């Protein structure tokens, strides 16, 4: 048995994510592809009214939540500069230190942080819609879970974090 602080010799996890919304706000979805040691898993979900940035971040959260062990080495690929820069540029630490004041999507960022801190995550920005196979797959999953579901007549759940925080600014 390994010491609690010791990193186990496990393979890296490759996490690919994308979010989409048809209109901003509008129906939206997220797509996730996880790859580890020859095993691949896809996850997606959609909401009736949300934003692209919320779906980009929710894709990352959903992917991290799917990881079954702690302290995993995660190579995360996203086409969202919002998500990647928030972490790599230190914006997230500042937002947390300032008590989440005037931050968009604080509910999701607060859900993200413990997941991020539970693993060893390296974020990589990739250009969206540029032929990257996993990014293209995530985009297809995200669009299908959001706008695609609406076009099929499916009833999507409400993104309560969006309606509780974003819409109030319109009053």
Protein backbone atom coordinates (compact mmCIF):
# COMPACT_ATOMS: atom_id res chain seq x y z
CA UNK A 1 0.00 0.00 0.00
CA UNK A 2 1.34 3.43 -0.95
CA UNK A 3 1.83 6.23 1.54
CA UNK A 4 -1.10 8.70 1.51
CA UNK A 5 1.06 11.49 0.00
CA UNK A 6 2.79 9.23 -2.51
CA UNK A 7 1.80 9.38 -6.16
CA UNK A 8 0.79 5.99 -7.41
CA UNK A 9 2.17 4.76 -10.70
CA UNK A 10 -0.99 5.25 -12.74
CA UNK A 11 -1.25 6.23 -16.38
CA UNK A 12 -2.13 9.81 -17.28
CA UNK A 13 -5.72 10.70 -18.09
CA UNK A 14 -6.39 12.73 -21.22
CA UNK A 15 -9.48 14.90 -20.81
CA UNK A 16 -10.96 16.69 -23.82
CA UNK A 17 -13.86 19.10 -23.35
CA UNK A 18 -16.10 21.48 -25.23
CA UNK A 19 -19.21 23.51 -24.57
CA UNK A 20 -21.71 25.07 -26.94
CA UNK A 21 -24.83 27.19 -26.89
CA UNK A 22 -27.17 28.09 -29.69
CA UNK A 23 -27.54 31.75 -28.93
CA UNK A 24 -25.74 33.13 -25.95
CA UNK A 25 -27.85 32.59 -23.92
CA UNK A 26 -29.77 29.76 -25.49
CA UNK A 27 -30.02 26.00 -25.42
CA UNK A 28 -26.58 24.61 -24.69
CA UNK A 29 -24.62 21.49 -24.04
CA UNK A 30 -21.27 20.10 -23.10
CA UNK A 31 -19.19 17.22 -24.37
CA UNK A 32 -16.40 15.29 -22.70
CA UNK A 33 -14.01 12.62 -23.94
CA UNK A 34 -11.80 10.87 -21.37
CA UNK A 35 -8.96 8.58 -22.43
CA UNK A 36 -6.76 6.48 -20.19
CA UNK A 37 -4.67 3.42 -20.99
CA UNK A 38 -6.69 2.46 -24.05
CA UNK A 39 -10.08 3.05 -22.40
CA UNK A 40 -12.32 5.84 -23.68
CA UNK A 41 -15.47 7.34 -22.15
CA UNK A 42 -17.81 10.00 -23.54
CA UNK A 43 -20.14 12.18 -21.46
CA UNK A 44 -22.57 14.89 -22.53
CA UNK A 45 -25.50 16.88 -21.22
CA UNK A 46 -27.63 19.85 -22.12
CA UNK A 47 -29.70 22.70 -20.70
CA UNK A 48 -32.65 24.71 -21.98
CA UNK A 49 -31.03 28.11 -21.49
CA UNK A 50 -27.39 28.72 -20.66
CA UNK A 51 -24.22 30.30 -22.02
CA UNK A 52 -21.25 28.99 -23.93
CA UNK A 53 -18.83 29.82 -21.09
CA UNK A 54 -20.96 27.93 -18.57
CA UNK A 55 -21.00 24.87 -20.82
CA UNK A 56 -17.24 25.07 -21.43
CA UNK A 57 -16.62 25.09 -17.68
CA UNK A 58 -19.25 22.46 -16.93
CA UNK A 59 -17.59 20.14 -19.45
CA UNK A 60 -14.32 20.41 -17.50
CA UNK A 61 -16.11 19.86 -14.17
CA UNK A 62 -18.00 16.83 -15.49
CA UNK A 63 -14.79 15.31 -16.84
CA UNK A 64 -12.95 15.80 -13.55
CA UNK A 65 -15.92 14.40 -11.60
CA UNK A 66 -15.74 11.23 -13.70
CA UNK A 67 -12.20 10.43 -12.57
CA UNK A 68 -12.39 7.60 -10.05
CA UNK A 69 -9.12 8.08 -8.17
CA UNK A 70 -7.43 11.03 -6.47
CA UNK A 71 -4.17 12.72 -7.43
CA UNK A 72 -4.49 11.69 -11.05
CA UNK A 73 -2.23 13.20 -13.68
CA UNK A 74 -4.72 14.90 -15.97
CA UNK A 75 -3.84 16.45 -19.31
CA UNK A 76 -6.85 18.66 -20.02
CA UNK A 77 -7.49 20.00 -23.52
CA UNK A 78 -10.01 22.78 -24.08
CA UNK A 79 -10.70 25.33 -26.80
CA UNK A 80 -12.00 27.74 -24.15
CA UNK A 81 -9.63 30.59 -23.45
CA UNK A 82 -12.02 31.58 -20.65
CA UNK A 83 -11.35 28.31 -18.79
CA UNK A 84 -7.69 27.85 -19.66
CA UNK A 85 -6.69 31.44 -18.94
CA UNK A 86 -8.66 31.56 -15.68
CA UNK A 87 -6.38 28.84 -14.36
CA UNK A 88 -3.11 29.35 -16.21
CA UNK A 89 -3.14 33.16 -15.79
CA UNK A 90 -4.06 33.00 -12.08
CA UNK A 91 -7.44 34.72 -12.46
CA UNK A 92 -9.17 31.95 -10.50
CA UNK A 93 -6.95 32.40 -7.45
CA UNK A 94 -7.67 36.14 -7.47
CA UNK A 95 -11.43 35.55 -7.78
CA UNK A 96 -11.36 33.16 -4.83
CA UNK A 97 -9.20 35.50 -2.72
CA UNK A 98 -11.62 38.38 -3.42
CA UNK A 99 -14.64 36.31 -2.34
CA UNK A 100 -16.04 35.69 -5.84
CA UNK A 101 -17.21 39.31 -6.17
CA UNK A 102 -18.24 40.32 -9.71
CA UNK A 103 -17.21 36.93 -11.11
CA UNK A 104 -19.25 35.26 -13.81
CA UNK A 105 -20.30 31.69 -13.00
CA UNK A 106 -19.16 31.60 -9.35
CA UNK A 107 -21.28 28.49 -8.70
CA UNK A 108 -19.33 26.53 -11.31
CA UNK A 109 -15.91 27.91 -10.35
CA UNK A 110 -16.55 26.95 -6.72
CA UNK A 111 -17.57 23.46 -7.85
CA UNK A 112 -14.47 23.25 -10.06
CA UNK A 113 -11.83 24.23 -7.48
CA UNK A 114 -11.92 21.17 -5.18
CA UNK A 115 -11.87 18.88 -8.22
CA UNK A 116 -8.91 20.73 -9.70
CA UNK A 117 -7.04 20.62 -6.39
CA UNK A 118 -7.71 16.89 -6.03
CA UNK A 119 -5.60 16.11 -9.10
CA UNK A 120 -2.47 17.21 -10.94
CA UNK A 121 -4.06 19.02 -13.86
CA UNK A 122 -2.21 20.59 -16.77
CA UNK A 123 -4.39 22.72 -19.02
CA UNK A 124 -3.74 22.97 -22.73
CA UNK A 125 -5.55 25.39 -25.02
CA UNK A 126 -6.33 24.05 -28.49
CA UNK A 127 -7.87 25.93 -31.37
CA UNK A 128 -11.51 24.98 -31.77
CA UNK A 129 -12.96 23.78 -35.08
CA UNK A 130 -9.45 23.15 -36.40
CA UNK A 131 -9.70 19.43 -37.07
CA UNK A 132 -8.49 18.13 -33.69
CA UNK A 133 -10.32 14.75 -33.55
CA UNK A 134 -11.20 14.77 -29.85
CA UNK A 135 -12.19 18.45 -29.87
CA UNK A 136 -14.41 17.84 -32.90
CA UNK A 137 -16.00 14.87 -31.12
CA UNK A 138 -16.62 16.95 -27.97
CA UNK A 139 -18.16 19.72 -30.08
CA UNK A 140 -20.51 17.23 -31.74
CA UNK A 141 -21.51 15.82 -28.33
CA UNK A 142 -22.10 19.35 -26.94
CA UNK A 143 -24.18 20.57 -29.89
CA UNK A 144 -26.20 17.35 -29.97
CA UNK A 145 -26.92 17.56 -26.21
CA UNK A 146 -28.09 21.19 -26.46
CA UNK A 147 -29.49 22.55 -29.71
CA UNK A 148 -29.76 19.07 -31.19
CA UNK A 149 -31.94 17.89 -28.33
CA UNK A 150 -34.20 20.94 -28.70
CA UNK A 151 -34.57 20.33 -32.44
CA UNK A 152 -35.63 16.75 -31.65
CA UNK A 153 -38.34 18.12 -29.33
CA UNK A 154 -36.63 17.02 -26.12
CA UNK A 155 -37.25 19.00 -22.95
CA UNK A 156 -33.96 20.06 -21.42
CA UNK A 157 -33.44 20.87 -17.74
CA UNK A 158 -32.98 24.40 -16.48
CA UNK A 159 -29.45 25.60 -15.75
CA UNK A 160 -30.36 26.96 -12.32
CA UNK A 161 -26.92 28.48 -11.79
CA UNK A 162 -27.41 30.57 -14.89
CA UNK A 163 -30.93 31.70 -14.14
CA UNK A 164 -30.11 32.46 -10.52
CA UNK A 165 -27.04 34.58 -11.23
CA UNK A 166 -27.08 35.88 -14.78
CA UNK A 167 -30.73 36.87 -15.23
CA UNK A 168 -30.79 38.91 -12.04
CA UNK A 169 -28.35 41.35 -13.63
CA UNK A 170 -31.06 42.27 -16.16
CA UNK A 171 -33.38 43.77 -13.51
